[in-house]
C-alpha atoms as a PDB file:
ATOM      1  CA  MET A   1      12.595  -3.600  -6.538  1.00  0.00           C
ATOM      2  CA  LYS A   2      11.862  -5.501  -3.286  1.00  0.00           C
ATOM      3  CA  GLU A   3      13.031  -9.261  -3.356  1.00  0.00           C
ATOM      4  CA  ARG A   4       9.982 -11.650  -2.817  1.00  0.00           C
ATOM      5  CA  SER A   5      10.037 -14.515  -0.464  1.00  0.00           C
ATOM      6  CA  LYS A   6      10.306 -18.061  -1.504  1.00  0.00           C
ATOM      7  CA  ARG A   7       6.946 -18.786  -0.118  1.00  0.00           C
ATOM      8  CA  TYR A   8       5.305 -15.483  -1.534  1.00  0.00           C
ATOM      9  CA  THR A   9       6.698 -16.342  -5.033  1.00  0.00           C
ATOM     10  CA  GLU A  10       5.184 -20.021  -4.836  1.00  0.00           C
ATOM     11  CA  ALA A  11       2.084 -18.587  -3.895  1.00  0.00           C
ATOM     12  CA  ALA A  12       1.799 -16.041  -6.644  1.00  0.00           C
ATOM     13  CA  LYS A  13       1.900 -19.055  -9.182  1.00  0.00           C
ATOM     14  CA  GLN A  14      -1.626 -20.161  -7.896  1.00  0.00           C
ATOM     15  CA  PHE A  15      -3.194 -17.199  -9.886  1.00  0.00           C
ATOM     16  CA  GLU A  16      -3.379 -15.490 -12.679  1.00  0.00           C
ATOM     17  CA  GLU A  17      -1.927 -11.805 -11.913  1.00  0.00           C
ATOM     18  CA  GLY A  18      -4.967  -8.883 -12.923  1.00  0.00           C
ATOM     19  CA  LYS A  19      -7.581 -11.426 -13.283  1.00  0.00           C
ATOM     20  CA  ALA A  20     -10.466 -10.564 -11.288  1.00  0.00           C
ATOM     21  CA  TYR A  21     -12.033 -13.802  -9.195  1.00  0.00           C
ATOM     22  CA  THR A  22     -15.336 -14.413  -7.601  1.00  0.00           C
ATOM     23  CA  VAL A  23     -14.988 -14.572  -3.581  1.00  0.00           C
ATOM     24  CA  LYS A  24     -15.701 -18.080  -3.464  1.00  0.00           C
ATOM     25  CA  ASP A  25     -12.882 -18.535  -6.377  1.00  0.00           C
ATOM     26  CA  ALA A  26     -10.172 -16.336  -4.468  1.00  0.00           C
ATOM     27  CA  ILE A  27     -10.833 -17.962  -0.955  1.00  0.00           C
ATOM     28  CA  SER A  28     -10.194 -21.565  -2.727  1.00  0.00           C
ATOM     29  CA  ILE A  29      -7.123 -20.246  -4.225  1.00  0.00           C
ATOM     30  CA  LEU A  30      -5.976 -18.877  -0.691  1.00  0.00           C
ATOM     31  CA  LYS A  31      -6.585 -22.022   0.823  1.00  0.00           C
ATOM     32  CA  LYS A  32      -3.944 -23.807  -1.949  1.00  0.00           C
ATOM     33  CA  MET A  33      -1.311 -21.226  -0.753  1.00  0.00           C
ATOM     34  CA  ALA A  34       1.730 -22.599   1.651  1.00  0.00           C
ATOM     35  CA  MET A  35       0.896 -20.420   4.694  1.00  0.00           C
ATOM     36  CA  PRO A  36       3.252 -19.634   7.518  1.00  0.00           C
ATOM     37  CA  LYS A  37       3.293 -21.711  11.047  1.00  0.00           C
ATOM     38  CA  PHE A  38       0.894 -19.244  12.680  1.00  0.00           C
ATOM     39  CA  ASP A  39      -3.049 -19.120  11.732  1.00  0.00           C
ATOM     40  CA  SER A  40      -3.260 -16.096   9.323  1.00  0.00           C
ATOM     41  CA  SER A  41      -5.738 -13.660   9.181  1.00  0.00           C
ATOM     42  CA  VAL A  42      -7.896 -13.314   5.890  1.00  0.00           C
ATOM     43  CA  ASP A  43      -8.503  -9.835   4.858  1.00  0.00           C
ATOM     44  CA  LEU A  44     -10.720  -7.718   2.472  1.00  0.00           C
ATOM     45  CA  HIS A  45      -9.726  -4.309   0.841  1.00  0.00           C
ATOM     46  CA  PHE A  46     -11.873  -1.867  -1.081  1.00  0.00           C
ATOM     47  CA  CYS A  47     -11.219   1.270  -2.942  1.00  0.00           C
ATOM     48  CA  LEU A  48     -14.219   3.598  -2.668  1.00  0.00           C
ATOM     49  CA  GLY A  49     -15.682   5.866  -4.901  1.00  0.00           C
ATOM     50  CA  VAL A  50     -15.762   8.659  -2.507  1.00  0.00           C
ATOM     51  CA  ASP A  51     -14.642  11.851  -1.556  1.00  0.00           C
ATOM     52  CA  VAL A  52     -13.443  11.735   1.616  1.00  0.00           C
ATOM     53  CA  LYS A  53     -13.161  15.471   2.184  1.00  0.00           C
ATOM     54  CA  ASN A  54     -17.035  15.620   1.829  1.00  0.00           C
ATOM     55  CA  SER A  55     -18.319  15.032   4.967  1.00  0.00           C
ATOM     56  CA  ASP A  56     -21.552  13.196   3.912  1.00  0.00           C
ATOM     57  CA  GLN A  57     -19.476  10.944   1.849  1.00  0.00           C
ATOM     58  CA  MET A  58     -17.767   9.211   5.014  1.00  0.00           C
ATOM     59  CA  VAL A  59     -18.346   5.490   5.054  1.00  0.00           C
ATOM     60  CA  ARG A  60     -18.655   4.248   8.150  1.00  0.00           C
ATOM     61  CA  GLY A  61     -20.664   1.258  10.118  1.00  0.00           C
ATOM     62  CA  THR A  62     -20.652  -2.181  11.942  1.00  0.00           C
ATOM     63  CA  VAL A  63     -21.364  -5.768  10.570  1.00  0.00           C
ATOM     64  CA  VAL A  64     -21.798  -8.949  12.678  1.00  0.00           C
ATOM     65  CA  LEU A  65     -19.787 -11.674  11.118  1.00  0.00           C
ATOM     66  CA  PRO A  66     -21.743 -15.120  11.183  1.00  0.00           C
ATOM     67  CA  HIS A  67     -18.431 -16.833  11.867  1.00  0.00           C
ATOM     68  CA  GLY A  68     -16.648 -14.568  13.983  1.00  0.00           C
ATOM     69  CA  THR A  69     -12.940 -13.256  13.114  1.00  0.00           C
ATOM     70  CA  GLY A  70     -10.905 -15.870  14.776  1.00  0.00           C
ATOM     71  CA  LYS A  71      -9.626 -13.343  17.133  1.00  0.00           C
ATOM     72  CA  LYS A  72      -9.509 -12.678  20.982  1.00  0.00           C
ATOM     73  CA  VAL A  73     -10.746  -9.060  21.380  1.00  0.00           C
ATOM     74  CA  ARG A  74     -10.106  -7.179  24.351  1.00  0.00           C
ATOM     75  CA  ILE A  75     -12.722  -4.873  25.201  1.00  0.00           C
ATOM     76  CA  ALA A  76     -12.691  -1.680  27.540  1.00  0.00           C
ATOM     77  CA  VAL A  77     -15.613  -0.067  29.073  1.00  0.00           C
ATOM     78  CA  PHE A  78     -15.867   3.417  30.207  1.00  0.00           C
ATOM     79  CA  CYS A  79     -18.491   3.638  32.731  1.00  0.00           C
ATOM     80  CA  LYS A  80     -19.492   4.127  36.492  1.00  0.00           C
ATOM     81  CA  GLY A  81     -21.648   2.942  39.144  1.00  0.00           C
ATOM     82  CA  GLU A  82     -23.751  -0.126  38.769  1.00  0.00           C
ATOM     83  CA  HIS A  83     -22.690  -0.580  35.012  1.00  0.00           C
ATOM     84  CA  GLU A  84     -19.490  -1.415  36.230  1.00  0.00           C
ATOM     85  CA  SER A  85     -20.542  -4.700  37.636  1.00  0.00           C
ATOM     86  CA  VAL A  86     -22.779  -5.317  34.496  1.00  0.00           C
ATOM     87  CA  ALA A  87     -19.886  -4.583  32.149  1.00  0.00           C
ATOM     88  CA  LYS A  88     -17.478  -7.157  34.201  1.00  0.00           C
ATOM     89  CA  GLU A  89     -20.144  -9.796  34.382  1.00  0.00           C
ATOM     90  CA  ALA A  90     -20.821  -9.406  30.417  1.00  0.00           C
ATOM     91  CA  GLY A  91     -17.061 -10.393  29.970  1.00  0.00           C
ATOM     92  CA  ALA A  92     -15.045  -6.995  29.422  1.00  0.00           C
ATOM     93  CA  ASP A  93     -11.349  -7.234  29.728  1.00  0.00           C
ATOM     94  CA  ILE A  94     -11.074  -3.665  31.327  1.00  0.00           C
ATOM     95  CA  VAL A  95     -13.663  -1.888  33.201  1.00  0.00           C
ATOM     96  CA  GLY A  96     -13.310   2.136  34.832  1.00  0.00           C
ATOM     97  CA  GLY A  97     -14.580   5.573  34.899  1.00  0.00           C
ATOM     98  CA  LEU A  98     -12.645   8.565  35.423  1.00  0.00           C
ATOM     99  CA  GLU A  99      -9.759   6.819  36.349  1.00  0.00           C
ATOM    100  CA  LEU A 100      -9.385   4.699  33.135  1.00  0.00           C
ATOM    101  CA  ILE A 101     -10.018   8.027  30.979  1.00  0.00           C
ATOM    102  CA  GLU A 102      -6.827   9.198  33.116  1.00  0.00           C
ATOM    103  CA  LYS A 103      -4.955   5.836  32.702  1.00  0.00           C
ATOM    104  CA  VAL A 104      -5.621   5.912  28.929  1.00  0.00           C
ATOM    105  CA  GLY A 105      -4.524   9.355  28.657  1.00  0.00           C
ATOM    106  CA  GLY A 106      -1.368   8.706  30.097  1.00  0.00           C
ATOM    107  CA  GLY A 107      -0.634   6.173  27.248  1.00  0.00           C
ATOM    108  CA  PHE A 108      -2.425   3.069  28.223  1.00  0.00           C
ATOM    109  CA  LEU A 109      -4.027   1.478  25.043  1.00  0.00           C
ATOM    110  CA  ASP A 110      -3.987  -2.242  25.735  1.00  0.00           C
ATOM    111  CA  PHE A 111      -7.383  -2.943  23.954  1.00  0.00           C
ATOM    112  CA  ASP A 112      -9.033  -3.735  20.802  1.00  0.00           C
ATOM    113  CA  CYS A 113     -12.458  -2.096  21.352  1.00  0.00           C
ATOM    114  CA  ALA A 114     -14.215   0.699  23.644  1.00  0.00           C
ATOM    115  CA  ILE A 115     -17.757   0.774  24.894  1.00  0.00           C
ATOM    116  CA  ALA A 116     -19.035   3.746  26.730  1.00  0.00           C
ATOM    117  CA  THR A 117     -22.250   4.523  28.788  1.00  0.00           C
ATOM    118  CA  PRO A 118     -23.354   8.119  27.223  1.00  0.00           C
ATOM    119  CA  ASP A 119     -22.789   9.850  30.578  1.00  0.00           C
ATOM    120  CA  MET A 120     -19.121   9.490  30.035  1.00  0.00           C
ATOM    121  CA  MET A 121     -18.882  11.132  26.486  1.00  0.00           C
ATOM    122  CA  LYS A 122     -18.242  14.378  28.116  1.00  0.00           C
ATOM    123  CA  ASP A 123     -15.277  13.235  30.052  1.00  0.00           C
ATOM    124  CA  LEU A 124     -14.242  10.626  27.197  1.00  0.00           C
ATOM    125  CA  SER A 125     -14.269  13.426  24.444  1.00  0.00           C
ATOM    126  CA  LYS A 126     -11.000  14.991  25.775  1.00  0.00           C
ATOM    127  CA  LEU A 127      -9.297  11.471  24.299  1.00  0.00           C
ATOM    128  CA  GLY A 128     -10.588  12.226  20.928  1.00  0.00           C
ATOM    129  CA  LYS A 129      -7.080  12.818  19.415  1.00  0.00           C
ATOM    130  CA  VAL A 130      -5.813   9.632  21.154  1.00  0.00           C
ATOM    131  CA  LEU A 131      -8.463   7.225  20.532  1.00  0.00           C
ATOM    132  CA  GLY A 132      -9.904   8.476  17.410  1.00  0.00           C
ATOM    133  CA  PRO A 133      -6.925   7.980  15.138  1.00  0.00           C
ATOM    134  CA  ARG A 134      -6.765   4.484  16.372  1.00  0.00           C
ATOM    135  CA  GLY A 135     -10.258   3.838  15.434  1.00  0.00           C
ATOM    136  CA  LEU A 136     -11.242   3.188  19.121  1.00  0.00           C
ATOM    137  CA  MET A 137     -13.515   6.333  20.058  1.00  0.00           C
ATOM    138  CA  PRO A 138     -17.024   4.974  20.951  1.00  0.00           C
ATOM    139  CA  SER A 139     -19.914   6.419  18.757  1.00  0.00           C
ATOM    140  CA  PRO A 140     -23.478   6.253  19.074  1.00  0.00           C
ATOM    141  CA  LYS A 141     -23.360   5.238  15.187  1.00  0.00           C
ATOM    142  CA  THR A 142     -21.432   1.841  15.857  1.00  0.00           C
ATOM    143  CA  GLY A 143     -23.672   0.988  19.298  1.00  0.00           C
ATOM    144  CA  THR A 144     -20.443   1.533  21.241  1.00  0.00           C
ATOM    145  CA  VAL A 145     -21.964   4.375  23.155  1.00  0.00           C
ATOM    146  CA  THR A 146     -25.015   2.781  25.033  1.00  0.00           C
ATOM    147  CA  PHE A 147     -26.279   1.956  28.574  1.00  0.00           C
ATOM    148  CA  ASP A 148     -27.285  -1.556  27.498  1.00  0.00           C
ATOM    149  CA  ILE A 149     -23.549  -2.697  27.804  1.00  0.00           C
ATOM    150  CA  ALA A 150     -24.059  -6.215  28.049  1.00  0.00           C
ATOM    151  CA  LYS A 151     -25.823  -6.539  24.388  1.00  0.00           C
ATOM    152  CA  ALA A 152     -22.894  -4.209  23.079  1.00  0.00           C
ATOM    153  CA  ILE A 153     -20.177  -6.775  24.688  1.00  0.00           C
ATOM    154  CA  ALA A 154     -22.025  -9.566  23.147  1.00  0.00           C
ATOM    155  CA  ASP A 155     -22.523  -8.386  19.994  1.00  0.00           C
ATOM    156  CA  ILE A 156     -18.409  -7.629  19.615  1.00  0.00           C
ATOM    157  CA  LYS A 157     -17.678 -11.403  21.200  1.00  0.00           C
ATOM    158  CA  LYS A 158     -20.188 -12.985  18.370  1.00  0.00           C
ATOM    159  CA  GLY A 159     -18.015 -10.990  15.872  1.00  0.00           C
ATOM    160  CA  LYS A 160     -19.044  -7.452  15.401  1.00  0.00           C
ATOM    161  CA  VAL A 161     -16.645  -5.529  13.288  1.00  0.00           C
ATOM    162  CA  GLU A 162     -16.687  -1.876  12.585  1.00  0.00           C
ATOM    163  CA  PHE A 163     -15.483  -0.604   8.924  1.00  0.00           C
ATOM    164  CA  ARG A 164     -14.376   3.147   8.340  1.00  0.00           C
ATOM    165  CA  VAL A 165     -13.039   4.586   5.327  1.00  0.00           C
ATOM    166  CA  ASP A 166      -9.740   5.984   5.403  1.00  0.00           C
ATOM    167  CA  LYS A 167      -7.864   8.714   4.037  1.00  0.00           C
ATOM    168  CA  GLN A 168      -7.154   7.083   0.896  1.00  0.00           C
ATOM    169  CA  ALA A 169     -10.989   6.315   0.318  1.00  0.00           C
ATOM    170  CA  GLY A 170      -9.794   2.787   1.374  1.00  0.00           C
ATOM    171  CA  ILE A 171     -11.258   0.069   3.559  1.00  0.00           C
ATOM    172  CA  HIS A 172      -9.381  -2.758   5.359  1.00  0.00           C
ATOM    173  CA  LEU A 173     -10.463  -5.401   7.677  1.00  0.00           C
ATOM    174  CA  SER A 174      -9.853  -8.906   8.571  1.00  0.00           C
ATOM    175  CA  PHE A 175     -12.875 -11.108   8.398  1.00  0.00           C
ATOM    176  CA  GLY A 176     -11.527 -14.755   9.390  1.00  0.00           C
ATOM    177  CA  LYS A 177      -8.503 -17.241   9.856  1.00  0.00           C
ATOM    178  CA  MET A 178      -7.161 -19.391   7.305  1.00  0.00           C
ATOM    179  CA  SER A 179      -8.290 -22.169   9.479  1.00  0.00           C
ATOM    180  CA  PHE A 180     -11.623 -21.575   8.790  1.00  0.00           C
ATOM    181  CA  ALA A 181     -13.426 -23.726   6.435  1.00  0.00           C
ATOM    182  CA  GLU A 182     -13.996 -21.960   2.743  1.00  0.00           C
ATOM    183  CA  ASP A 183     -17.890 -21.989   3.322  1.00  0.00           C
ATOM    184  CA  LYS A 184     -17.219 -19.818   6.625  1.00  0.00           C
ATOM    185  CA  LEU A 185     -14.864 -17.381   5.045  1.00  0.00           C
ATOM    186  CA  TYR A 186     -17.129 -17.114   2.131  1.00  0.00           C
ATOM    187  CA  GLU A 187     -20.370 -16.165   4.261  1.00  0.00           C
ATOM    188  CA  ASN A 188     -17.960 -13.801   6.079  1.00  0.00           C
ATOM    189  CA  ALA A 189     -17.233 -12.005   3.280  1.00  0.00           C
ATOM    190  CA  ALA A 190     -20.460 -11.769   1.723  1.00  0.00           C
ATOM    191  CA  ARG A 191     -21.975 -10.282   4.881  1.00  0.00           C
ATOM    192  CA  ILE A 192     -19.029  -7.705   4.686  1.00  0.00           C
ATOM    193  CA  ILE A 193     -19.923  -6.742   0.991  1.00  0.00           C
ATOM    194  CA  GLU A 194     -23.817  -6.777   1.437  1.00  0.00           C
ATOM    195  CA  ALA A 195     -23.109  -4.246   4.677  1.00  0.00           C
ATOM    196  CA  LEU A 196     -20.730  -2.154   2.895  1.00  0.00           C
ATOM    197  CA  THR A 197     -23.216  -1.783  -0.192  1.00  0.00           C
ATOM    198  CA  ASP A 198     -25.791  -0.777   2.150  1.00  0.00           C
ATOM    199  CA  ALA A 199     -23.585   1.807   3.876  1.00  0.00           C
ATOM    200  CA  LYS A 200     -23.101   3.952   0.259  1.00  0.00           C
ATOM    201  CA  PRO A 201     -23.977   7.497   0.887  1.00  0.00           C
ATOM    202  CA  ALA A 202     -26.799   8.829  -1.440  1.00  0.00           C
ATOM    203  CA  SER A 203     -24.490  11.823  -2.381  1.00  0.00           C
ATOM    204  CA  VAL A 204     -22.160   9.255  -3.825  1.00  0.00           C
ATOM    205  CA  LYS A 205     -22.603   8.669  -8.065  1.00  0.00           C
ATOM    206  CA  GLY A 206     -21.232   6.089 -10.117  1.00  0.00           C
ATOM    207  CA  LYS A 207     -19.516   3.115  -8.932  1.00  0.00           C
ATOM    208  CA  PHE A 208     -19.241   2.839  -5.239  1.00  0.00           C
ATOM    209  CA  ILE A 209     -16.942  -0.059  -4.984  1.00  0.00           C
ATOM    210  CA  ARG A 210     -14.005   0.981  -7.466  1.00  0.00           C
ATOM    211  CA  SER A 211     -12.008  -2.204  -6.574  1.00  0.00           C
ATOM    212  CA  ALA A 212     -11.725  -5.264  -4.080  1.00  0.00           C
ATOM    213  CA  ALA A 213      -9.107  -7.631  -2.944  1.00  0.00           C
ATOM    214  CA  ILE A 214      -8.665 -10.473  -0.762  1.00  0.00           C
ATOM    215  CA  SER A 215      -5.316 -11.594   0.895  1.00  0.00           C
ATOM    216  CA  ALA A 216      -4.218 -13.649   3.761  1.00  0.00           C
ATOM    217  CA  SER A 217      -1.152 -12.654   5.968  1.00  0.00           C
ATOM    218  CA  MET A 218       1.955 -12.593   3.803  1.00  0.00           C
ATOM    219  CA  THR A 219       0.298 -13.919   0.672  1.00  0.00           C
ATOM    220  CA  PRO A 220      -0.356 -11.687  -2.773  1.00  0.00           C
ATOM    221  CA  GLY A 221      -3.677 -10.144  -2.865  1.00  0.00           C
ATOM    222  CA  LEU A 222      -6.004 -11.228  -5.531  1.00  0.00           C
ATOM    223  CA  ARG A 223      -8.306  -9.012  -7.336  1.00  0.00           C
ATOM    224  CA  LEU A 224     -12.284  -9.726  -6.698  1.00  0.00           C
ATOM    225  CA  ALA A 225     -15.119  -9.562  -9.210  1.00  0.00           C
ATOM    226  CA  ILE A 226     -17.748  -7.456  -7.285  1.00  0.00           C
END
């Protein structure tokens, strides 16, 4: 059995194992736990009642968090011509066309999200096996394939995050930092739950969100009553 750290053991005393808490109560409990010296991320974890082998039950979407994630996001934009200057002025960290595609194909992945203009997608598609598994492939569904690059960058900087179900029918994403006030963490979490509920595929019958939990870096997870 894995030996738990003293901090983890003390944190576990703050709540009743197996009990499901409201989001507000769970955040309040997390705030009382001893945290590491760095500003911990706060995460939501969902187990969904979907069949991931069924293409019409794949859950994917985006949501703009009212208070952002607290993380600095490195944005890469695949574009050419006049769009390159627009991307740079809008605050993109990495901008380029075919040369950037070649660089990424060679192993460069020093960015957290990617945007592309539609005319770049034919060439960018060859990187599907590189960007896809890492959740970095631009997609029209998430608003990251667009000629309106300035808006796409602005949305990401405001706190736009993407969620996508994994092979185990789970979704995991950060929604803030422990330095955030409780009400801000709650509003971010509530927005995610609302967006996820709205993304329920029509073909899914029965309970969509089977279970949910909240945790921070190096803390136990608390079950949520949703």
